[in-house]
Amino acid sequence: MSRRLFVAVDLPADARAHMAAAVDDLRASLRAHEMDDCFRWVAPANMHLTLRFLGNLPDETAPAMIEAMREPLAAARPSIVIDGLGTFPPHGRPRILYAAVAQGTELLRALRDAVDARLSPLCRWEEETRPFAPHLTLARARDRAKFIPDDFSRLIGDASWPAAAFEADAVTLFSSRTLPAGPEYTAEARAALRSS
């Protein structure tokens, strides 16, 4: 058996509520263009900034990783600003709709490196080939995304999106399960951040 694990910065309650309200407004705007149901929207409780996706790891590996992620990390607490919308891919019909990290990327990268240094002696994971680009996934395109116009990126670029700012004080090791209603994330361990 295996567990699907990832490490992320969880949003504090006020930033999560801010994002949820902004997504409601965005969905209302897309509904006016009959595009809201072209996406599967991320539940506010599941919003996070992924630092390291570890993948499916053997169950026997998990206890040591959980224990390791209960200890504080000697890393700066990043001040993060989430502002602006984007899509993957950036042009044409999107697969992912996200809110961008406008400030804090370098500190998040350093935090990711600190997590890697702690976990790499305990397990191996498939290295990411794409550049580190922290973002907040808001929605994933459904099969009916073929009805989304090619200029969708321009359309959301014109949308107003209120910025949210917060300071991350911990990183969380999550496990995930795919359920019919969508993914379910469980916080397995939380490592507080202390300035190095």
Protein backbone atom coordinates (compact mmCIF):
# COMPACT_ATOMS: atom_id res chain seq x y z
CA MET A 1 0.00 0.00 0.00
CA SER A 2 1.05 3.58 -0.51
CA ARG A 3 0.12 7.11 0.46
CA ARG A 4 -0.04 10.11 -1.87
CA LEU A 5 1.82 12.90 -0.06
CA PHE A 6 2.71 16.53 -0.62
CA VAL A 7 4.06 19.43 1.43
CA ALA A 8 2.33 22.80 1.25
CA VAL A 9 1.76 26.15 2.88
CA ASP A 10 -1.77 26.19 4.20
CA LEU A 11 -3.75 29.42 4.02
CA PRO A 12 -4.74 31.12 7.29
CA ALA A 13 -8.49 31.47 7.89
CA ASP A 14 -8.73 35.14 6.87
CA ALA A 15 -6.83 34.62 3.59
CA ARG A 16 -8.92 31.53 2.86
CA ALA A 17 -12.16 33.49 3.41
CA HIS A 18 -10.83 36.30 1.20
CA MET A 19 -10.02 33.83 -1.60
CA ALA A 20 -13.40 32.11 -1.27
CA ALA A 21 -15.23 35.44 -1.69
CA ALA A 22 -13.04 36.38 -4.67
CA VAL A 23 -13.73 33.00 -6.32
CA ASP A 24 -17.49 33.50 -5.82
CA ASP A 25 -17.22 36.81 -7.70
CA LEU A 26 -15.11 35.22 -10.44
CA ARG A 27 -17.57 32.37 -10.87
CA ALA A 28 -20.44 34.86 -11.16
CA SER A 29 -18.50 36.66 -13.90
CA LEU A 30 -17.83 33.39 -15.76
CA ARG A 31 -21.45 32.34 -15.33
CA ALA A 32 -22.43 35.46 -17.29
CA HIS A 33 -20.33 34.01 -20.16
CA GLU A 34 -21.78 30.49 -19.59
CA MET A 35 -18.36 29.17 -18.61
CA ASP A 36 -18.64 28.53 -14.87
CA ASP A 37 -19.54 24.86 -15.31
CA CYS A 38 -16.56 24.30 -17.62
CA PHE A 39 -14.46 24.01 -14.44
CA ARG A 40 -14.25 21.86 -11.33
CA TRP A 41 -13.68 24.41 -8.59
CA VAL A 42 -11.34 23.80 -5.66
CA ALA A 43 -13.15 23.88 -2.31
CA PRO A 44 -11.85 26.74 -0.14
CA ALA A 45 -10.83 24.22 2.54
CA ASN A 46 -8.47 22.60 0.01
CA MET A 47 -6.67 25.78 -1.11
CA HIS A 48 -2.91 25.66 -0.50
CA LEU A 49 0.47 26.55 -2.02
CA THR A 50 2.31 23.33 -2.90
CA LEU A 51 6.01 23.32 -2.08
CA ARG A 52 6.87 19.72 -2.89
CA PHE A 53 4.74 16.97 -4.43
CA LEU A 54 6.12 13.67 -3.15
CA GLY A 55 3.78 11.30 -4.97
CA ASN A 56 2.70 7.82 -3.95
CA LEU A 57 5.12 6.61 -1.29
CA PRO A 58 5.16 3.24 0.52
CA ASP A 59 3.18 3.20 3.77
CA GLU A 60 6.28 2.17 5.70
CA THR A 61 7.97 5.45 4.68
CA ALA A 62 5.19 7.67 6.01
CA PRO A 63 5.77 7.42 9.81
CA ALA A 64 9.35 8.72 9.61
CA MET A 65 8.28 11.56 7.31
CA ILE A 66 5.40 12.50 9.60
CA GLU A 67 7.75 12.53 12.58
CA ALA A 68 10.30 14.64 10.67
CA MET A 69 7.65 17.20 9.72
CA ARG A 70 6.58 17.67 13.34
CA GLU A 71 9.87 19.40 14.15
CA PRO A 72 10.21 23.17 13.54
CA LEU A 73 12.08 24.25 10.41
CA ALA A 74 14.87 26.83 10.62
CA ALA A 75 13.48 28.95 7.80
CA ALA A 76 12.22 32.50 7.42
CA ARG A 77 8.48 33.05 7.53
CA PRO A 78 7.58 34.21 4.01
CA SER A 79 5.30 37.20 3.56
CA ILE A 80 3.11 36.17 0.66
CA VAL A 81 0.91 38.28 -1.59
CA ILE A 82 -1.54 36.49 -3.87
CA ASP A 83 -2.63 38.78 -6.68
CA GLY A 84 -3.69 38.25 -10.28
CA LEU A 85 -5.09 35.35 -12.25
CA GLY A 86 -3.43 33.02 -14.71
CA THR A 87 -3.87 29.76 -16.58
CA PHE A 88 -1.81 26.69 -17.39
CA PRO A 89 -1.05 26.65 -20.24
CA PRO A 90 -0.78 30.44 -20.46
CA HIS A 91 -2.28 30.58 -23.98
CA GLY A 92 -5.15 28.75 -25.64
CA ARG A 93 -7.67 26.63 -23.75
CA PRO A 94 -6.72 26.31 -20.07
CA ARG A 95 -6.31 23.15 -18.01
CA ILE A 96 -5.76 25.01 -14.72
CA LEU A 97 -7.04 28.37 -13.49
CA TYR A 98 -4.93 29.81 -10.66
CA ALA A 99 -4.26 32.85 -8.50
CA ALA A 100 -0.65 34.01 -8.79
CA VAL A 101 1.92 34.55 -6.07
CA ALA A 102 2.94 38.17 -6.67
CA GLN A 103 5.32 38.42 -3.71
CA GLY A 104 7.22 35.81 -1.70
CA THR A 105 8.34 33.39 -4.42
CA GLU A 106 12.03 33.46 -3.43
CA LEU A 107 11.27 32.81 0.24
CA LEU A 108 8.89 30.01 -0.76
CA ARG A 109 11.68 28.51 -2.89
CA ALA A 110 14.04 28.65 0.11
CA LEU A 111 11.34 27.03 2.22
CA ARG A 112 10.91 24.28 -0.38
CA ASP A 113 14.67 23.68 -0.27
CA ALA A 114 14.58 23.39 3.54
CA VAL A 115 11.77 20.82 3.26
CA ASP A 116 13.76 18.90 0.63
CA ALA A 117 16.85 18.85 2.88
CA ARG A 118 14.81 17.41 5.72
CA LEU A 119 12.91 14.77 3.73
CA SER A 120 15.45 13.64 1.12
CA PRO A 121 17.29 11.30 3.56
CA LEU A 122 13.96 9.55 4.22
CA CYS A 123 12.57 9.00 0.74
CA ARG A 124 13.00 9.56 -2.97
CA TRP A 125 10.54 11.38 -5.17
CA GLU A 126 10.35 12.16 -8.86
CA GLU A 127 12.05 15.47 -9.50
CA GLU A 128 9.96 18.21 -11.06
CA THR A 129 11.29 19.30 -14.45
CA ARG A 130 9.37 22.57 -14.59
CA PRO A 131 10.63 25.72 -12.82
CA PHE A 132 9.25 26.29 -9.33
CA ALA A 133 6.17 28.51 -9.75
CA PRO A 134 4.06 28.65 -6.57
CA HIS A 135 0.40 29.32 -7.24
CA LEU A 136 -3.03 28.79 -5.74
CA THR A 137 -5.07 26.42 -7.91
CA LEU A 138 -8.65 27.68 -8.15
CA ALA A 139 -10.17 25.31 -10.74
CA ARG A 140 -9.41 22.54 -13.22
CA ALA A 141 -11.02 22.36 -16.65
CA ARG A 142 -13.66 19.71 -17.23
CA ASP A 143 -13.92 17.74 -20.47
CA ARG A 144 -16.29 20.41 -21.76
CA ALA A 145 -13.35 22.87 -21.70
CA LYS A 146 -13.49 22.66 -25.49
CA PHE A 147 -16.22 25.29 -25.15
CA ILE A 148 -13.81 27.72 -23.50
CA PRO A 149 -12.67 30.32 -26.02
CA ASP A 150 -9.02 30.52 -27.02
CA ASP A 151 -8.85 34.08 -25.68
CA PHE A 152 -9.90 32.97 -22.18
CA SER A 153 -6.58 34.18 -20.69
CA ARG A 154 -7.31 37.67 -21.97
CA LEU A 155 -10.83 37.52 -20.57
CA ILE A 156 -9.66 36.73 -17.03
CA GLY A 157 -6.77 39.16 -17.40
CA ASP A 158 -9.40 41.89 -17.57
CA ALA A 159 -11.12 40.64 -14.40
CA SER A 160 -10.56 42.46 -11.14
CA TRP A 161 -8.95 40.24 -8.51
CA PRO A 162 -8.47 41.48 -4.95
CA ALA A 163 -5.03 40.79 -3.51
CA ALA A 164 -4.60 38.74 -0.33
CA ALA A 165 -1.55 39.02 1.92
CA PHE A 166 -0.44 36.77 4.78
CA GLU A 167 2.65 35.49 6.56
CA ALA A 168 3.24 31.74 6.50
CA ASP A 169 4.14 30.42 9.94
CA ALA A 170 4.28 26.68 9.15
CA VAL A 171 4.39 24.05 6.42
CA THR A 172 2.11 21.02 6.38
CA LEU A 173 2.61 17.46 5.19
CA PHE A 174 -0.66 16.36 3.59
CA SER A 175 -1.94 13.03 2.37
CA SER A 176 -4.57 13.00 -0.35
CA ARG A 177 -7.28 10.65 -1.54
CA THR A 178 -9.33 10.96 -4.69
CA LEU A 179 -13.05 10.61 -3.97
CA PRO A 180 -16.06 10.93 -6.32
CA ALA A 181 -16.82 14.36 -4.84
CA GLY A 182 -13.22 15.51 -5.35
CA PRO A 183 -9.89 15.22 -3.54
CA GLU A 184 -9.74 14.91 0.22
CA TYR A 185 -6.65 16.24 1.99
CA THR A 186 -5.57 15.21 5.49
CA ALA A 187 -2.95 17.14 7.44
CA GLU A 188 -0.50 14.52 8.71
CA ALA A 189 2.08 16.82 10.34
CA ARG A 190 2.83 20.51 10.68
CA ALA A 191 6.31 22.04 11.00
CA ALA A 192 6.39 25.52 12.51
CA LEU A 193 8.79 28.03 10.96
CA ARG A 194 11.40 29.78 13.05
CA SER A 195 13.84 32.33 11.69
CA SER A 196 17.25 30.81 11.00
